[in-house]
């Protein structure tokens, strides 16, 4: 009997409209969304995909609504409305009757009577516990699809329906809609990658260029491969690290060039933009020029977008580059004038200058009033000859204040600038030669580190900063000192005078 019930429930029921069978009060939120499988998108009664259904700006022409079909497993009968239960109960009895008729035709000796199957009987605790209905529902799409952008489902595709604004987590797509959604998935994977790079390496907004993305992606690739791919030898031998596949800059550039126009459109519509819009427009024009010159093929100039996206004349770019780009962005919705206005607004927006570190001098020492009954000290004060000729412009107490603070790097920068006023010394961990024969120095000198928190980076930075303070600052007033004890002793004597 269980096998027969499985046969009855094997195919999804329906299709039914979501508003006809689902309970209006059932609106799952948070991390308990309903799940749809075998998703299919339709528009104008034709199968479509997310490449066509997602637009950033409303089109001048009223487009037909987009519907999505999917299979929903009913976990609880409370998900269904009263009409929904009645409709599914009717179809359940119809399937049972059809199956009984088919069994009777195969067994001519005894007719098989249909059983009294009910939804309540299937879902209540009993011998048939565990059976659940799968229903094919269709919903009208309400808002843009979210892929890898929902905070509760950072790795999933989420769709919202117009009825009750329900959200659905999409588990799988049918082949027709999936083939028409390749660009959509690739684009939002790049958005997720850019977000991860911004958070991991601490780049400030409005600064990312294509060369920075190339370098950050290469560092991220090395870190992930080294931490996940380990080859374990047999017979208890020590594991060995694998040889990483080399990822060239051209390969990374090709990935971003394929969707450079869409990425520009996406970040123009977001309040916080990680890209340097002016520099990214130059990159977009480089891709456009490469597509216009087939005699000089470049792999990174191939895009998955239609060629008519660059519908401008070749000479038009010389007059107004932004107009050419805006005309291409209209492919994603809206008009060229709207996109050009967005471009000009973002590019001409004044950037917030980074505020320099504020240097506050130490409070002045209190003036000492000597008792006139005491005579002047017999020992003369220190003469200028006792000090080196290159006396510091900054008081020693100010230097010691900075020496007592551990060195730190600004987010997104691998350069340390000396905080002592009037000192132009800096350490560039990426481009400067790192002196020393230690393991950490060699590691940093070959730029093998991935982030600022690397143990070798911190060791090298502290050593170089300490050496700079000792040689370039502390030696000015302590050139005759041989060790820390003498240094502390002299400071104590100075304070006692």
Protein backbone atom coordinates (compact mmCIF):
# COMPACT_ATOMS: atom_id res chain seq x y z
CA UNK A 1 0.00 0.00 0.00
CA UNK A 2 2.87 2.32 0.79
CA UNK A 3 4.23 1.76 -2.69
CA UNK A 4 0.85 2.67 -4.15
CA UNK A 5 0.69 5.92 -2.17
CA UNK A 6 4.19 6.81 -3.32
CA UNK A 7 3.01 6.26 -6.88
CA UNK A 8 0.05 8.57 -6.34
CA UNK A 9 2.23 11.31 -4.84
CA UNK A 10 5.19 10.86 -7.19
CA UNK A 11 4.27 13.60 -9.69
CA UNK A 12 3.73 17.16 -8.41
CA UNK A 13 0.14 18.33 -8.09
CA UNK A 14 -1.04 21.29 -10.09
CA UNK A 15 0.02 23.71 -11.42
CA UNK A 16 -1.88 26.17 -9.24
CA UNK A 17 -1.53 29.88 -8.69
CA UNK A 18 0.04 30.68 -5.33
CA UNK A 19 -2.80 32.99 -4.28
CA UNK A 20 -5.37 30.23 -4.96
CA UNK A 21 -4.00 27.53 -2.67
CA UNK A 22 -1.60 29.10 -0.14
CA UNK A 23 -2.69 30.51 3.20
CA UNK A 24 -2.45 34.34 3.15
CA UNK A 25 -1.13 34.32 6.72
CA UNK A 26 1.72 31.98 5.80
CA UNK A 27 4.60 34.32 4.93
CA UNK A 28 7.93 32.73 5.95
CA UNK A 29 10.71 35.15 6.85
CA UNK A 30 14.35 35.08 7.91
CA UNK A 31 16.17 31.78 7.61
CA UNK A 32 13.05 29.65 7.17
CA UNK A 33 12.04 30.48 3.62
CA UNK A 34 10.02 28.13 1.46
CA UNK A 35 12.07 26.25 -1.12
CA UNK A 36 11.26 25.88 -4.80
CA UNK A 37 12.90 23.39 -7.15
CA UNK A 38 12.79 23.03 -10.95
CA UNK A 39 12.26 26.76 -11.43
CA UNK A 40 11.04 28.00 -14.79
CA UNK A 41 10.56 31.64 -15.85
CA UNK A 42 7.90 32.69 -18.35
CA UNK A 43 7.14 36.02 -20.01
CA UNK A 44 4.57 36.48 -22.77
CA UNK A 45 3.98 32.73 -22.53
CA UNK A 46 7.59 32.07 -23.55
CA UNK A 47 10.41 30.60 -21.51
CA UNK A 48 12.85 33.30 -20.45
CA UNK A 49 15.77 33.72 -18.06
CA UNK A 50 17.22 36.19 -15.62
CA UNK A 51 19.38 37.78 -18.32
CA UNK A 52 16.21 39.31 -19.77
CA UNK A 53 14.04 39.73 -16.68
CA UNK A 54 16.41 41.84 -14.56
CA UNK A 55 16.52 45.58 -15.29
CA UNK A 56 17.96 48.45 -13.26
CA UNK A 57 15.91 51.24 -14.78
CA UNK A 58 12.31 50.97 -15.91
CA UNK A 59 12.00 50.55 -19.64
CA UNK A 60 10.17 53.18 -21.66
CA UNK A 61 7.81 50.46 -22.87
CA UNK A 62 5.61 48.61 -20.41
CA UNK A 63 6.97 45.08 -20.35
CA UNK A 64 4.83 42.05 -19.66
CA UNK A 65 4.96 40.61 -16.13
CA UNK A 66 7.32 37.73 -15.42
CA UNK A 67 5.95 34.54 -13.85
CA UNK A 68 7.99 31.81 -12.23
CA UNK A 69 6.96 28.17 -11.83
CA UNK A 70 8.42 25.85 -9.23
CA UNK A 71 7.75 22.72 -7.20
CA UNK A 72 6.92 23.39 -3.54
CA UNK A 73 6.88 20.58 -0.96
CA UNK A 74 4.06 21.17 1.52
CA UNK A 75 5.60 20.44 4.92
CA UNK A 76 2.49 21.38 6.90
CA UNK A 77 -1.18 21.60 5.99
CA UNK A 78 -1.25 25.03 7.68
CA UNK A 79 0.53 26.35 4.61
CA UNK A 80 -2.65 25.77 2.58
CA UNK A 81 -5.78 27.87 2.54
CA UNK A 82 -9.24 26.31 2.84
CA UNK A 83 -9.72 26.43 -0.93
CA UNK A 84 -6.24 25.01 -1.39
CA UNK A 85 -7.00 21.99 0.77
CA UNK A 86 -10.24 21.34 -1.11
CA UNK A 87 -8.54 21.54 -4.51
CA UNK A 88 -5.68 19.22 -3.52
CA UNK A 89 -8.08 16.78 -1.82
CA UNK A 90 -10.09 16.59 -5.02
CA UNK A 91 -6.99 15.90 -7.13
CA UNK A 92 -5.81 13.30 -4.60
CA UNK A 93 -9.08 11.35 -4.92
CA UNK A 94 -8.96 11.63 -8.70
CA UNK A 95 -5.45 10.15 -8.81
CA UNK A 96 -6.44 7.33 -6.45
CA UNK A 97 -9.44 6.49 -8.61
CA UNK A 98 -7.35 6.52 -11.80
CA UNK A 99 -4.76 4.23 -10.26
CA UNK A 100 -7.47 1.84 -8.98
CA UNK A 101 -9.02 1.64 -12.45
CA UNK A 102 -5.63 0.87 -13.95
CA UNK A 103 -5.03 -1.92 -11.41
CA UNK A 104 -8.49 -3.38 -12.09
CA UNK A 105 -7.79 -3.58 -15.80
CA UNK A 106 -4.65 -5.59 -15.08
CA UNK A 107 -6.39 -7.92 -12.61
CA UNK A 108 -9.64 -9.16 -14.23
CA UNK A 109 -10.52 -11.55 -11.39
CA UNK A 110 -11.16 -8.90 -8.77
CA UNK A 111 -11.89 -5.23 -9.13
CA UNK A 112 -9.81 -2.84 -7.05
CA UNK A 113 -11.77 -0.24 -5.16
CA UNK A 114 -10.31 3.23 -4.49
CA UNK A 115 -9.39 3.97 -0.91
CA UNK A 116 -10.56 6.91 1.13
CA UNK A 117 -7.30 8.90 1.08
CA UNK A 118 -7.39 12.29 2.76
CA UNK A 119 -4.80 15.02 3.27
CA UNK A 120 -5.28 14.84 7.02
CA UNK A 121 -4.70 11.09 6.98
CA UNK A 122 -1.45 11.50 5.05
CA UNK A 123 -0.05 14.17 7.37
CA UNK A 124 -1.33 12.82 10.70
CA UNK A 125 0.76 10.39 12.69
CA UNK A 126 -0.03 6.87 11.58
CA UNK A 127 1.12 4.04 9.32
CA UNK A 128 1.54 6.45 6.41
CA UNK A 129 3.49 9.08 8.31
CA UNK A 130 6.14 10.82 6.26
CA UNK A 131 4.19 11.34 3.03
CA UNK A 132 4.13 14.93 1.78
CA UNK A 133 2.59 16.52 -1.26
CA UNK A 134 4.65 18.36 -3.83
CA UNK A 135 2.73 21.07 -5.65
CA UNK A 136 3.71 23.00 -8.76
CA UNK A 137 2.83 26.64 -8.16
CA UNK A 138 3.25 29.69 -10.34
CA UNK A 139 3.77 33.20 -8.98
CA UNK A 140 4.10 36.66 -10.44
CA UNK A 141 7.61 38.00 -9.89
CA UNK A 142 7.53 41.14 -7.78
CA UNK A 143 11.05 42.53 -7.22
CA UNK A 144 14.54 41.94 -8.66
CA UNK A 145 16.01 38.52 -8.04
CA UNK A 146 18.67 38.27 -5.35
CA UNK A 147 21.63 35.99 -6.00
CA UNK A 148 24.36 35.93 -3.33
CA UNK A 149 23.09 39.28 -2.00
CA UNK A 150 20.55 38.24 0.65
CA UNK A 151 22.03 38.50 4.16
CA UNK A 152 20.30 35.32 5.37
CA UNK A 153 21.11 33.34 2.18
CA UNK A 154 24.51 34.66 1.00
CA UNK A 155 25.05 31.72 -1.38
CA UNK A 156 21.51 31.23 -2.70
CA UNK A 157 19.05 32.59 -5.22
CA UNK A 158 15.97 34.24 -3.68
CA UNK A 159 12.81 35.32 -5.51
CA UNK A 160 9.86 37.36 -4.24
CA UNK A 161 6.28 36.82 -5.39
CA UNK A 162 3.66 39.52 -5.73
CA UNK A 163 1.16 37.62 -3.56
CA UNK A 164 1.85 38.48 0.09
CA UNK A 165 5.44 39.35 -0.92
CA UNK A 166 6.58 35.82 -0.12
CA UNK A 167 10.24 34.98 -0.52
CA UNK A 168 11.38 31.66 -1.96
CA UNK A 169 14.79 30.04 -1.89
CA UNK A 170 15.49 28.51 -5.30
CA UNK A 171 17.13 25.09 -5.23
CA UNK A 172 17.31 24.28 -8.95
CA UNK A 173 16.37 25.61 -12.38
CA UNK A 174 15.04 23.91 -15.45
CA UNK A 175 17.38 23.76 -18.41
CA UNK A 176 15.58 26.32 -20.57
CA UNK A 177 15.67 29.13 -18.00
CA UNK A 178 19.16 28.22 -16.82
CA UNK A 179 20.67 28.58 -20.30
CA UNK A 180 19.14 32.07 -20.48
CA UNK A 181 20.61 33.10 -17.12
CA UNK A 182 24.37 32.52 -17.50
CA UNK A 183 25.19 36.24 -17.48
CA UNK A 184 23.03 36.84 -14.42
CA UNK A 185 24.82 34.25 -12.32
CA UNK A 186 28.30 35.26 -13.49
CA UNK A 187 27.62 38.94 -12.80
CA UNK A 188 26.48 38.47 -9.24
CA UNK A 189 29.35 36.10 -8.53
CA UNK A 190 31.63 38.99 -9.49
CA UNK A 191 29.69 41.32 -7.19
CA UNK A 192 30.17 38.85 -4.35
CA UNK A 193 33.87 38.59 -5.20
CA UNK A 194 34.33 42.38 -5.15
CA UNK A 195 32.52 42.59 -1.79
CA UNK A 196 34.75 39.88 -0.35
CA UNK A 197 37.89 41.63 -1.60
CA UNK A 198 36.76 44.93 -0.08
CA UNK A 199 36.14 43.32 3.30
CA UNK A 200 39.22 41.08 3.30
CA UNK A 201 41.84 43.62 2.27
CA UNK A 202 40.20 46.77 3.66
CA UNK A 203 40.04 48.85 0.49
CA UNK A 204 38.13 52.12 0.99
CA UNK A 205 35.13 52.91 -1.26
CA UNK A 206 35.56 54.48 -4.70
CA UNK A 207 39.16 53.25 -5.08
CA UNK A 208 39.15 49.87 -6.85
CA UNK A 209 40.77 49.73 -10.27
CA UNK A 210 41.18 46.75 -12.55
CA UNK A 211 44.86 46.35 -11.62
CA UNK A 212 43.96 46.27 -7.91
CA UNK A 213 41.33 43.59 -8.57
CA UNK A 214 43.88 41.54 -10.51
CA UNK A 215 46.35 41.65 -7.63
CA UNK A 216 43.74 41.00 -4.93
CA UNK A 217 42.28 38.06 -6.85
CA UNK A 218 45.73 36.51 -7.25
CA UNK A 219 46.40 36.83 -3.51
CA UNK A 220 42.99 35.36 -2.69
CA UNK A 221 43.57 32.49 -5.11
CA UNK A 222 46.87 31.57 -3.45
CA UNK A 223 45.39 31.74 0.02
CA UNK A 224 42.38 29.55 -0.78
CA UNK A 225 44.34 26.95 -2.71
CA UNK A 226 47.04 26.63 -0.09
CA UNK A 227 44.52 26.27 2.72
CA UNK A 228 42.19 23.79 1.02
CA UNK A 229 44.22 21.75 -1.47
CA UNK A 230 46.56 19.40 0.38
CA UNK A 231 47.82 16.17 -1.15
CA UNK A 232 48.11 13.37 1.41
CA UNK A 233 50.64 10.69 0.57
CA UNK A 234 50.13 7.00 1.21
CA UNK A 235 51.85 4.84 3.84
CA UNK A 236 51.73 7.60 6.43
CA UNK A 237 54.17 9.85 4.60
CA UNK A 238 54.11 13.56 5.31
CA UNK A 239 51.56 15.51 3.24
CA UNK A 240 52.90 17.77 0.55
CA UNK A 241 51.58 21.05 -0.74
CA UNK A 242 50.30 20.96 -4.31
CA UNK A 243 51.59 23.02 -7.19
CA UNK A 244 49.09 25.83 -7.69
CA UNK A 245 47.68 26.55 -11.10
CA UNK A 246 49.03 29.88 -12.24
CA UNK A 247 46.35 32.53 -12.69
CA UNK A 248 47.63 35.26 -14.97
CA UNK A 249 46.57 38.89 -14.88
CA UNK A 250 45.13 38.51 -18.37
CA UNK A 251 42.89 35.70 -17.16
CA UNK A 252 41.56 37.78 -14.27
CA UNK A 253 41.12 40.78 -16.56
CA UNK A 254 39.18 38.60 -18.98
CA UNK A 255 36.70 37.65 -16.25
CA UNK A 256 36.00 41.28 -15.34
CA UNK A 257 36.07 42.50 -18.94
CA UNK A 258 33.30 40.08 -19.85
CA UNK A 259 30.93 41.97 -17.53
CA UNK A 260 32.62 45.37 -17.22
CA UNK A 261 29.63 47.31 -18.56
CA UNK A 262 27.15 45.54 -16.31
CA UNK A 263 29.35 46.04 -13.24
CA UNK A 264 29.50 49.75 -13.99
CA UNK A 265 25.70 49.90 -14.29
CA UNK A 266 25.26 47.92 -11.08
CA UNK A 267 27.51 50.12 -8.95
CA UNK A 268 26.11 53.33 -10.41
CA UNK A 269 22.80 52.31 -8.85
CA UNK A 270 24.22 51.41 -5.44
CA UNK A 271 24.74 53.99 -2.66
CA UNK A 272 28.25 52.73 -1.82
CA UNK A 273 30.46 52.14 -4.83
CA UNK A 274 33.76 50.24 -4.44
CA UNK A 275 34.97 51.15 -7.94
CA UNK A 276 36.88 54.21 -9.01
CA UNK A 277 34.28 55.22 -11.60
CA UNK A 278 36.62 57.39 -13.64
CA UNK A 279 39.26 54.64 -13.91
CA UNK A 280 36.62 51.96 -14.53
CA UNK A 281 35.23 53.99 -17.44
CA UNK A 282 38.72 53.96 -18.95
CA UNK A 283 38.78 50.18 -18.61
CA UNK A 284 35.35 49.91 -20.25
CA UNK A 285 36.58 52.03 -23.15
CA UNK A 286 39.66 49.81 -23.48
CA UNK A 287 37.38 46.81 -23.87
CA UNK A 288 35.29 48.73 -26.38
CA UNK A 289 38.37 49.71 -28.41
CA UNK A 290 39.61 46.10 -28.37
CA UNK A 291 36.29 44.89 -29.72
CA UNK A 292 36.50 47.51 -32.47
CA UNK A 293 39.93 46.33 -33.63
CA UNK A 294 39.72 42.66 -34.65
CA UNK A 295 43.25 42.83 -36.10
CA UNK A 296 44.58 42.94 -32.56
CA UNK A 297 42.66 40.21 -30.76
CA UNK A 298 42.74 40.17 -26.98
CA UNK A 299 41.17 37.41 -24.95
CA UNK A 300 40.15 39.82 -22.21
CA UNK A 301 38.12 41.89 -24.70
CA UNK A 302 35.57 39.13 -25.25
CA UNK A 303 32.28 39.81 -23.54
CA UNK A 304 29.17 37.73 -23.06
CA UNK A 305 27.04 40.74 -23.90
CA UNK A 306 25.58 41.27 -27.34
CA UNK A 307 27.76 43.13 -29.80
CA UNK A 308 25.04 45.71 -30.38
CA UNK A 309 25.63 46.95 -26.85
CA UNK A 310 28.41 49.04 -28.41
CA UNK A 311 26.16 50.57 -31.03
CA UNK A 312 28.02 53.89 -31.22
CA UNK A 313 30.15 55.07 -34.09
CA UNK A 314 33.92 54.61 -33.71
CA UNK A 315 34.59 58.35 -33.90
CA UNK A 316 32.02 59.18 -31.27
CA UNK A 317 34.29 58.17 -28.42
CA UNK A 318 36.70 60.96 -29.28
CA UNK A 319 33.99 63.56 -28.66
CA UNK A 320 32.27 62.23 -25.56
CA UNK A 321 33.45 59.02 -23.96
CA UNK A 322 30.76 59.09 -21.30
CA UNK A 323 28.03 59.41 -23.92
CA UNK A 324 29.34 56.25 -25.59
CA UNK A 325 29.34 54.38 -22.30
CA UNK A 326 25.89 55.68 -21.36
CA UNK A 327 24.52 54.52 -24.70
CA UNK A 328 25.87 51.04 -24.03
CA UNK A 329 24.45 50.95 -20.49
CA UNK A 330 20.95 51.57 -21.87
CA UNK A 331 21.09 47.89 -22.85
CA UNK A 332 20.35 47.10 -19.21
CA UNK A 333 17.25 49.31 -19.05
CA UNK A 334 16.46 53.01 -19.05
CA UNK A 335 17.74 55.57 -21.53
CA UNK A 336 21.22 56.76 -22.44
CA UNK A 337 20.43 60.21 -21.02
CA UNK A 338 19.63 58.72 -17.61
CA UNK A 339 22.86 56.73 -17.51
CA UNK A 340 24.96 59.69 -18.68
CA UNK A 341 23.46 61.81 -15.91
CA UNK A 342 24.40 59.12 -13.37
CA UNK A 343 27.93 58.89 -14.75
CA UNK A 344 28.56 62.62 -14.67
CA UNK A 345 27.11 62.91 -11.18
CA UNK A 346 29.37 60.16 -9.81
CA UNK A 347 32.52 61.40 -11.54
CA UNK A 348 32.08 65.05 -10.60
CA UNK A 349 31.17 64.24 -6.99
CA UNK A 350 33.96 65.60 -4.78
CA UNK A 351 35.89 62.93 -2.98
CA UNK A 352 36.31 63.09 0.75
CA UNK A 353 39.97 63.73 1.41
CA UNK A 354 41.52 61.43 3.92
CA UNK A 355 42.07 63.34 7.12
CA UNK A 356 45.73 63.28 8.22
CA UNK A 357 46.70 62.07 11.64
CA UNK A 358 46.39 64.95 14.07
CA UNK A 359 49.57 65.60 16.00
CA UNK A 360 49.02 67.01 19.45
CA UNK A 361 52.22 68.26 21.13
CA UNK A 362 52.75 67.24 24.74
CA UNK A 363 51.59 69.72 27.38
CA UNK A 364 54.26 72.24 28.42
CA UNK A 365 56.20 71.51 31.57
CA UNK A 366 55.29 73.67 34.57
CA UNK A 367 57.60 76.59 35.20
CA UNK A 368 59.73 76.11 38.28
CA UNK A 369 60.08 79.05 40.69
CA UNK A 370 63.33 78.83 42.65
CA UNK A 371 63.63 80.10 46.20
CA UNK A 372 65.89 83.21 46.19
CA UNK A 373 67.59 81.98 49.36
CA UNK A 374 69.27 79.27 47.37
CA UNK A 375 72.25 80.19 45.23
CA UNK A 376 72.62 79.39 41.57
CA UNK A 377 73.94 75.90 40.87
CA UNK A 378 77.70 75.77 40.76
CA UNK A 379 77.77 73.24 37.99
CA UNK A 380 77.20 74.94 34.62
CA UNK A 381 74.52 73.67 32.34
CA UNK A 382 75.17 71.46 29.39
CA UNK A 383 76.69 73.24 26.44
CA UNK A 384 75.62 72.81 22.83
CA UNK A 385 78.88 71.02 22.09
CA UNK A 386 77.74 68.01 24.06
CA UNK A 387 75.06 67.28 21.47
CA UNK A 388 75.36 66.23 17.88
CA UNK A 389 75.21 68.92 15.24
CA UNK A 390 72.00 67.51 13.77
CA UNK A 391 69.84 68.25 16.82
CA UNK A 392 66.21 67.25 16.42
CA UNK A 393 63.42 69.68 15.68
CA UNK A 394 60.98 67.54 17.64
CA UNK A 395 61.33 67.17 21.42
CA UNK A 396 62.55 63.82 22.63
CA UNK A 397 59.37 63.36 24.68
CA UNK A 398 57.30 63.64 21.50
CA UNK A 399 59.41 60.99 19.79
CA UNK A 400 59.10 58.66 22.75
CA UNK A 401 55.35 59.08 22.66
CA UNK A 402 55.27 57.64 19.12
CA UNK A 403 57.87 54.98 19.88
CA UNK A 404 55.66 53.61 22.64
CA UNK A 405 52.84 52.98 20.16
CA UNK A 406 52.95 49.76 18.06
CA UNK A 407 53.13 50.38 14.30
CA UNK A 408 49.92 50.02 12.31
CA UNK A 409 48.89 50.18 8.65
CA UNK A 410 45.88 51.96 7.23
CA UNK A 411 43.19 49.70 5.69
CA UNK A 412 44.01 48.83 2.10
CA UNK A 413 47.60 50.13 2.30
CA UNK A 414 50.84 48.22 2.74
CA UNK A 415 52.79 51.43 3.47
CA UNK A 416 53.83 52.60 6.94
CA UNK A 417 54.54 56.32 7.36
CA UNK A 418 56.57 57.49 10.31
CA UNK A 419 54.22 59.37 12.68
CA UNK A 420 56.99 61.62 14.04
CA UNK A 421 56.37 65.15 12.71
CA UNK A 422 58.69 66.37 9.95
CA UNK A 423 59.92 62.82 9.26
CA UNK A 424 59.40 61.65 5.67
CA UNK A 425 60.49 58.06 6.24
CA UNK A 426 58.11 55.33 5.03
CA UNK A 427 58.14 51.55 4.53
CA UNK A 428 56.47 50.08 1.44
CA UNK A 429 56.11 46.35 2.09
CA UNK A 430 55.06 45.63 -1.48
CA UNK A 431 57.65 47.57 -3.47
CA UNK A 432 60.64 48.26 -1.20
CA UNK A 433 63.50 45.82 -0.77
CA UNK A 434 63.26 44.21 2.65
CA UNK A 435 66.74 43.98 4.22
CA UNK A 436 67.76 41.05 6.37
CA UNK A 437 68.49 37.36 6.02
CA UNK A 438 65.67 36.02 8.17
CA UNK A 439 62.84 33.81 6.98
CA UNK A 440 60.24 36.52 7.56
CA UNK A 441 62.27 39.10 5.61
CA UNK A 442 62.63 36.76 2.63
CA UNK A 443 58.94 35.88 2.82
CA UNK A 444 57.83 39.52 2.72
CA UNK A 445 60.46 40.52 0.15
CA UNK A 446 58.97 38.01 -2.30
CA UNK A 447 55.47 39.42 -1.61
CA UNK A 448 54.12 36.03 -0.58
CA UNK A 449 51.82 37.43 2.11
CA UNK A 450 48.07 37.71 1.60
CA UNK A 451 46.93 40.31 4.11
CA UNK A 452 48.14 42.74 6.74
CA UNK A 453 47.61 40.29 9.59
CA UNK A 454 50.16 37.80 8.27
CA UNK A 455 52.56 36.77 11.04
CA UNK A 456 55.65 37.40 8.89
CA UNK A 457 54.38 40.84 7.86
CA UNK A 458 53.90 41.88 11.48
CA UNK A 459 57.37 40.63 12.48
CA UNK A 460 59.14 42.45 9.62
CA UNK A 461 57.16 45.64 10.17
CA UNK A 462 58.00 45.77 13.89
CA UNK A 463 61.70 45.10 13.23
CA UNK A 464 62.03 47.77 10.54
CA UNK A 465 60.10 50.35 12.55
CA UNK A 466 62.19 49.67 15.66
CA UNK A 467 65.39 50.00 13.63
CA UNK A 468 64.20 53.31 12.16
CA UNK A 469 63.32 54.76 15.57
CA UNK A 470 66.65 53.67 17.08
CA UNK A 471 68.85 54.91 14.22
CA UNK A 472 67.06 57.98 12.90
CA UNK A 473 65.42 59.42 16.02
CA UNK A 474 66.74 58.13 19.33
CA UNK A 475 70.40 58.36 18.30
CA UNK A 476 70.07 62.14 17.90
CA UNK A 477 69.99 62.74 21.64
CA UNK A 478 71.54 59.43 22.76
CA UNK A 479 74.47 58.99 20.42
CA UNK A 480 76.86 58.31 23.27
CA UNK A 481 74.61 55.74 24.92
CA UNK A 482 75.61 52.10 24.59
CA UNK A 483 72.64 50.26 26.03
CA UNK A 484 69.12 50.73 27.38
CA UNK A 485 70.27 51.08 30.99
CA UNK A 486 72.46 54.10 30.19
CA UNK A 487 69.61 55.61 28.20
CA UNK A 488 67.18 55.28 31.10
CA UNK A 489 69.82 56.61 33.49
CA UNK A 490 70.39 59.77 31.47
CA UNK A 491 66.66 60.42 31.18
CA UNK A 492 66.35 60.08 34.95
CA UNK A 493 69.19 62.54 35.51
CA UNK A 494 67.66 65.06 33.11
CA UNK A 495 64.33 64.93 34.90
CA UNK A 496 66.03 65.43 38.26
CA UNK A 497 67.83 68.59 37.23
